[in-house]
Amino acid sequence: HLATETKAYTLFATHFHELTKLAEKVSTVVNKHVTAHTSNKSITMMYQVNNGPCDRSFGIHVAELAKFPPEVISQAKRKAEELEDFGSAAENILQRKEKKAEA
């Protein structure tokens, strides 16, 4: 709605594939990401903005650095895996529907 109806300038911080895929369908949507380097003990934002969506999320890594309880980190990792699996399955379904529509 924001991209196609309101046409408001909007900034989202997300790696959700459903949102990053909007750039393929809506000409006013642009994906950018900030480069970061991570290790087990740190995350360093390079303050360099690049084109395209980010290929990973830093939320769990930041939570680990902030010393969130281990059970919270474990649950977040499980949920992230579930969402990735769901996202892949949903993407496959959409691709099949698009192929059928083209035929």
N, C-alpha and C. Protein backbone atom coordinates (compact mmCIF):
# COMPACT_ATOMS: atom_id res chain seq x y z
N HIS A 1 0.81 -1.19 0.00
CA HIS A 1 0.00 0.00 0.00
C HIS A 1 0.87 1.26 0.00
N LEU A 2 1.92 1.28 0.85
CA LEU A 2 2.78 2.46 0.90
C LEU A 2 3.49 2.71 -0.43
N ALA A 3 3.89 1.63 -1.10
CA ALA A 3 4.63 1.78 -2.35
C ALA A 3 3.74 2.08 -3.54
N THR A 4 2.52 1.54 -3.55
CA THR A 4 1.68 1.67 -4.74
C THR A 4 0.56 2.69 -4.61
N GLU A 5 0.07 2.93 -3.42
CA GLU A 5 -1.05 3.86 -3.24
C GLU A 5 -0.60 5.19 -2.64
N THR A 6 -0.04 5.12 -1.45
CA THR A 6 0.38 6.33 -0.75
C THR A 6 1.61 6.96 -1.40
N LYS A 7 2.50 6.10 -1.88
CA LYS A 7 3.77 6.51 -2.49
C LYS A 7 4.61 7.37 -1.55
N ALA A 8 4.56 6.99 -0.27
CA ALA A 8 5.30 7.70 0.76
C ALA A 8 6.74 7.18 0.82
N TYR A 9 7.67 8.08 1.08
CA TYR A 9 9.04 7.64 1.32
C TYR A 9 9.04 6.86 2.63
N THR A 10 9.55 5.65 2.58
CA THR A 10 9.50 4.77 3.74
C THR A 10 10.79 3.99 3.84
N LEU A 11 11.28 3.83 5.05
CA LEU A 11 12.50 3.06 5.28
C LEU A 11 12.15 1.86 6.14
N PHE A 12 12.47 0.66 5.65
CA PHE A 12 12.27 -0.57 6.40
C PHE A 12 13.62 -1.21 6.64
N ALA A 13 13.80 -1.74 7.81
CA ALA A 13 14.98 -2.54 8.10
C ALA A 13 14.48 -3.98 8.22
N THR A 14 14.69 -4.75 7.17
CA THR A 14 14.16 -6.12 7.16
C THR A 14 14.96 -6.98 6.21
N HIS A 15 14.93 -8.24 6.43
CA HIS A 15 15.47 -9.19 5.45
C HIS A 15 14.37 -10.13 4.97
N PHE A 16 13.12 -9.83 5.33
CA PHE A 16 12.02 -10.67 4.89
C PHE A 16 11.94 -10.67 3.37
N HIS A 17 12.03 -11.83 2.81
CA HIS A 17 12.10 -11.96 1.35
C HIS A 17 10.85 -11.40 0.67
N GLU A 18 9.71 -11.52 1.35
CA GLU A 18 8.48 -11.01 0.75
C GLU A 18 8.57 -9.51 0.50
N LEU A 19 9.19 -8.79 1.43
CA LEU A 19 9.33 -7.34 1.24
C LEU A 19 10.44 -7.00 0.25
N THR A 20 11.56 -7.71 0.32
CA THR A 20 12.65 -7.39 -0.60
C THR A 20 12.28 -7.73 -2.05
N LYS A 21 11.39 -8.69 -2.25
CA LYS A 21 10.94 -9.06 -3.60
C LYS A 21 10.06 -7.99 -4.24
N LEU A 22 9.54 -7.07 -3.44
CA LEU A 22 8.69 -6.01 -3.99
C LEU A 22 9.43 -5.19 -5.05
N ALA A 23 10.73 -5.08 -4.91
CA ALA A 23 11.51 -4.29 -5.88
C ALA A 23 11.42 -4.88 -7.28
N GLU A 24 11.12 -6.17 -7.40
CA GLU A 24 10.98 -6.80 -8.70
C GLU A 24 9.66 -6.43 -9.37
N LYS A 25 8.68 -6.01 -8.57
CA LYS A 25 7.34 -5.77 -9.10
C LYS A 25 6.89 -4.31 -9.04
N VAL A 26 7.48 -3.54 -8.14
CA VAL A 26 7.08 -2.15 -7.96
C VAL A 26 8.30 -1.27 -8.23
N SER A 27 8.23 -0.46 -9.27
CA SER A 27 9.40 0.30 -9.72
C SER A 27 9.89 1.32 -8.71
N THR A 28 9.04 1.75 -7.79
CA THR A 28 9.46 2.75 -6.82
C THR A 28 10.11 2.15 -5.57
N VAL A 29 10.16 0.83 -5.48
CA VAL A 29 10.79 0.16 -4.34
C VAL A 29 12.25 -0.13 -4.68
N VAL A 30 13.14 0.26 -3.77
CA VAL A 30 14.57 0.06 -3.97
C VAL A 30 15.14 -0.62 -2.72
N ASN A 31 15.92 -1.67 -2.92
CA ASN A 31 16.58 -2.35 -1.81
C ASN A 31 18.00 -1.84 -1.66
N LYS A 32 18.38 -1.56 -0.43
CA LYS A 32 19.74 -1.17 -0.06
C LYS A 32 20.11 -1.94 1.20
N HIS A 33 21.39 -2.11 1.43
CA HIS A 33 21.83 -2.73 2.68
C HIS A 33 23.15 -2.14 3.13
N VAL A 34 23.42 -2.29 4.42
CA VAL A 34 24.66 -1.80 5.01
C VAL A 34 25.58 -2.99 5.24
N THR A 35 26.82 -2.83 4.81
CA THR A 35 27.81 -3.89 4.99
C THR A 35 28.21 -4.00 6.46
N ALA A 36 28.36 -5.22 6.93
CA ALA A 36 28.78 -5.46 8.31
C ALA A 36 29.71 -6.66 8.35
N HIS A 37 30.63 -6.62 9.29
CA HIS A 37 31.52 -7.75 9.54
C HIS A 37 31.20 -8.28 10.93
N THR A 38 31.09 -9.61 11.04
CA THR A 38 30.76 -10.20 12.34
C THR A 38 31.81 -11.22 12.74
N SER A 39 31.92 -11.39 14.04
CA SER A 39 32.72 -12.48 14.62
C SER A 39 31.90 -12.98 15.81
N ASN A 40 32.43 -13.94 16.53
CA ASN A 40 31.70 -14.46 17.69
C ASN A 40 31.50 -13.39 18.77
N LYS A 41 32.38 -12.39 18.78
CA LYS A 41 32.33 -11.41 19.86
C LYS A 41 32.00 -10.00 19.42
N SER A 42 31.78 -9.78 18.12
CA SER A 42 31.51 -8.41 17.71
C SER A 42 30.74 -8.33 16.40
N ILE A 43 30.18 -7.18 16.17
CA ILE A 43 29.58 -6.84 14.88
C ILE A 43 30.06 -5.42 14.57
N THR A 44 30.60 -5.25 13.38
CA THR A 44 31.11 -3.95 12.97
C THR A 44 30.37 -3.50 11.74
N MET A 45 29.58 -2.44 11.89
CA MET A 45 28.88 -1.87 10.75
C MET A 45 29.87 -1.00 9.98
N MET A 46 29.94 -1.21 8.70
CA MET A 46 30.92 -0.49 7.89
C MET A 46 30.39 0.86 7.40
N TYR A 47 29.14 1.16 7.66
CA TYR A 47 28.53 2.42 7.24
C TYR A 47 28.70 2.65 5.74
N GLN A 48 28.63 1.56 5.02
CA GLN A 48 28.72 1.59 3.56
C GLN A 48 27.40 1.04 3.04
N VAL A 49 26.66 1.86 2.32
CA VAL A 49 25.37 1.46 1.79
C VAL A 49 25.57 0.90 0.39
N ASN A 50 25.06 -0.30 0.18
CA ASN A 50 25.19 -0.98 -1.11
C ASN A 50 23.82 -1.29 -1.68
N ASN A 51 23.78 -1.50 -2.97
CA ASN A 51 22.53 -1.86 -3.65
C ASN A 51 22.15 -3.29 -3.35
N GLY A 52 20.85 -3.56 -3.37
CA GLY A 52 20.33 -4.91 -3.20
C GLY A 52 19.96 -5.21 -1.77
N PRO A 53 19.20 -6.30 -1.57
CA PRO A 53 18.82 -6.69 -0.21
C PRO A 53 20.00 -7.33 0.52
N CYS A 54 19.93 -7.32 1.82
CA CYS A 54 20.95 -7.98 2.63
C CYS A 54 20.71 -9.49 2.57
N ASP A 55 21.77 -10.25 2.57
CA ASP A 55 21.62 -11.70 2.45
C ASP A 55 21.54 -12.40 3.81
N ARG A 56 21.53 -11.62 4.89
CA ARG A 56 21.41 -12.22 6.22
C ARG A 56 20.86 -11.22 7.21
N SER A 57 20.43 -11.75 8.35
CA SER A 57 19.89 -10.92 9.42
C SER A 57 20.91 -10.88 10.56
N PHE A 58 21.01 -9.75 11.20
CA PHE A 58 21.95 -9.61 12.31
C PHE A 58 21.26 -9.60 13.67
N GLY A 59 19.94 -9.73 13.69
CA GLY A 59 19.19 -9.62 14.94
C GLY A 59 19.61 -10.61 16.01
N ILE A 60 19.77 -11.86 15.65
CA ILE A 60 20.15 -12.88 16.64
C ILE A 60 21.58 -12.64 17.11
N HIS A 61 22.44 -12.27 16.18
CA HIS A 61 23.83 -11.99 16.56
C HIS A 61 23.90 -10.82 17.55
N VAL A 62 23.14 -9.78 17.30
CA VAL A 62 23.10 -8.63 18.21
C VAL A 62 22.54 -9.06 19.56
N ALA A 63 21.52 -9.91 19.57
CA ALA A 63 20.95 -10.39 20.83
C ALA A 63 21.99 -11.18 21.62
N GLU A 64 22.80 -11.98 20.94
CA GLU A 64 23.87 -12.72 21.63
C GLU A 64 24.88 -11.76 22.25
N LEU A 65 25.25 -10.74 21.49
CA LEU A 65 26.21 -9.76 22.01
C LEU A 65 25.65 -8.98 23.19
N ALA A 66 24.33 -8.79 23.19
CA ALA A 66 23.66 -8.07 24.29
C ALA A 66 23.40 -8.99 25.48
N LYS A 67 23.86 -10.23 25.39
CA LYS A 67 23.75 -11.21 26.48
C LYS A 67 22.32 -11.59 26.82
N PHE A 68 21.48 -11.74 25.77
CA PHE A 68 20.13 -12.26 26.01
C PHE A 68 20.29 -13.67 26.57
N PRO A 69 19.31 -14.15 27.34
CA PRO A 69 19.39 -15.50 27.91
C PRO A 69 19.52 -16.56 26.81
N PRO A 70 20.32 -17.60 27.05
CA PRO A 70 20.54 -18.64 26.04
C PRO A 70 19.25 -19.26 25.51
N GLU A 71 18.23 -19.43 26.38
CA GLU A 71 16.98 -20.03 25.91
C GLU A 71 16.26 -19.11 24.92
N VAL A 72 16.40 -17.82 25.08
CA VAL A 72 15.80 -16.86 24.14
C VAL A 72 16.51 -16.95 22.79
N ILE A 73 17.82 -17.03 22.82
CA ILE A 73 18.62 -17.15 21.60
C ILE A 73 18.27 -18.45 20.87
N SER A 74 18.18 -19.55 21.61
CA SER A 74 17.83 -20.84 20.99
C SER A 74 16.47 -20.79 20.34
N GLN A 75 15.50 -20.20 21.03
CA GLN A 75 14.15 -20.11 20.48
C GLN A 75 14.15 -19.22 19.23
N ALA A 76 14.89 -18.14 19.24
CA ALA A 76 14.96 -17.24 18.08
C ALA A 76 15.59 -17.96 16.88
N LYS A 77 16.61 -18.76 17.13
CA LYS A 77 17.26 -19.50 16.04
C LYS A 77 16.29 -20.53 15.44
N ARG A 78 15.55 -21.22 16.30
CA ARG A 78 14.56 -22.20 15.81
C ARG A 78 13.49 -21.50 14.97
N LYS A 79 13.01 -20.38 15.48
CA LYS A 79 11.97 -19.64 14.76
C LYS A 79 12.50 -19.12 13.43
N ALA A 80 13.71 -18.65 13.39
CA ALA A 80 14.30 -18.16 12.14
C ALA A 80 14.39 -19.29 11.11
N GLU A 81 14.77 -20.47 11.56
CA GLU A 81 14.83 -21.63 10.65
C GLU A 81 13.44 -21.97 10.12
N GLU A 82 12.44 -21.93 11.01
CA GLU A 82 11.06 -22.20 10.58
C GLU A 82 10.61 -21.20 9.52
N LEU A 83 10.90 -19.93 9.76
CA LEU A 83 10.49 -18.89 8.82
C LEU A 83 11.21 -19.02 7.48
N GLU A 84 12.48 -19.40 7.52
CA GLU A 84 13.22 -19.61 6.27
C GLU A 84 12.61 -20.77 5.49
N ASP A 85 12.27 -21.86 6.20
CA ASP A 85 11.64 -23.01 5.54
C ASP A 85 10.29 -22.62 4.95
N PHE A 86 9.51 -21.87 5.72
CA PHE A 86 8.20 -21.42 5.25
C PHE A 86 8.35 -20.49 4.06
N GLY A 87 9.31 -19.58 4.14
CA GLY A 87 9.54 -18.64 3.05
C GLY A 87 9.94 -19.33 1.76
N SER A 88 10.77 -20.35 1.85
CA SER A 88 11.19 -21.11 0.67
C SER A 88 10.01 -21.85 0.07
N ALA A 89 9.19 -22.46 0.91
CA ALA A 89 8.02 -23.19 0.42
C ALA A 89 7.04 -22.23 -0.25
N ALA A 90 6.80 -21.09 0.37
CA ALA A 90 5.86 -20.11 -0.20
C ALA A 90 6.39 -19.57 -1.52
N GLU A 91 7.67 -19.34 -1.60
CA GLU A 91 8.27 -18.84 -2.85
C GLU A 91 8.11 -19.86 -3.97
N ASN A 92 8.31 -21.12 -3.67
CA ASN A 92 8.13 -22.18 -4.68
C ASN A 92 6.69 -22.22 -5.19
N ILE A 93 5.73 -22.07 -4.29
CA ILE A 93 4.32 -22.07 -4.69
C ILE A 93 4.03 -20.88 -5.61
N LEU A 94 4.52 -19.71 -5.25
CA LEU A 94 4.30 -18.52 -6.06
C LEU A 94 4.94 -18.65 -7.45
N GLN A 95 6.12 -19.23 -7.50
CA GLN A 95 6.78 -19.42 -8.80
C GLN A 95 5.98 -20.36 -9.68
N ARG A 96 5.42 -21.44 -9.11
CA ARG A 96 4.60 -22.36 -9.89
C ARG A 96 3.35 -21.66 -10.40
N LYS A 97 2.73 -20.82 -9.56
CA LYS A 97 1.53 -20.09 -9.99
C LYS A 97 1.87 -19.12 -11.13
N GLU A 98 3.01 -18.46 -11.04
CA GLU A 98 3.41 -17.52 -12.09
C GLU A 98 3.66 -18.25 -13.40
N LYS A 99 4.27 -19.43 -13.33
CA LYS A 99 4.53 -20.22 -14.56
C LYS A 99 3.22 -20.65 -15.20
N LYS A 100 2.24 -21.05 -14.37
CA LYS A 100 0.94 -21.46 -14.90
C LYS A 100 0.25 -20.28 -15.57
N ALA A 101 0.36 -19.11 -14.95
CA ALA A 101 -0.30 -17.92 -15.49
C ALA A 101 0.34 -17.52 -16.84
N GLU A 102 1.62 -17.75 -16.99
CA GLU A 102 2.33 -17.41 -18.23
C GLU A 102 1.98 -18.37 -19.35
N ALA A 103 1.63 -19.61 -18.99
CA ALA A 103 1.36 -20.64 -20.00
C ALA A 103 0.05 -20.45 -20.71
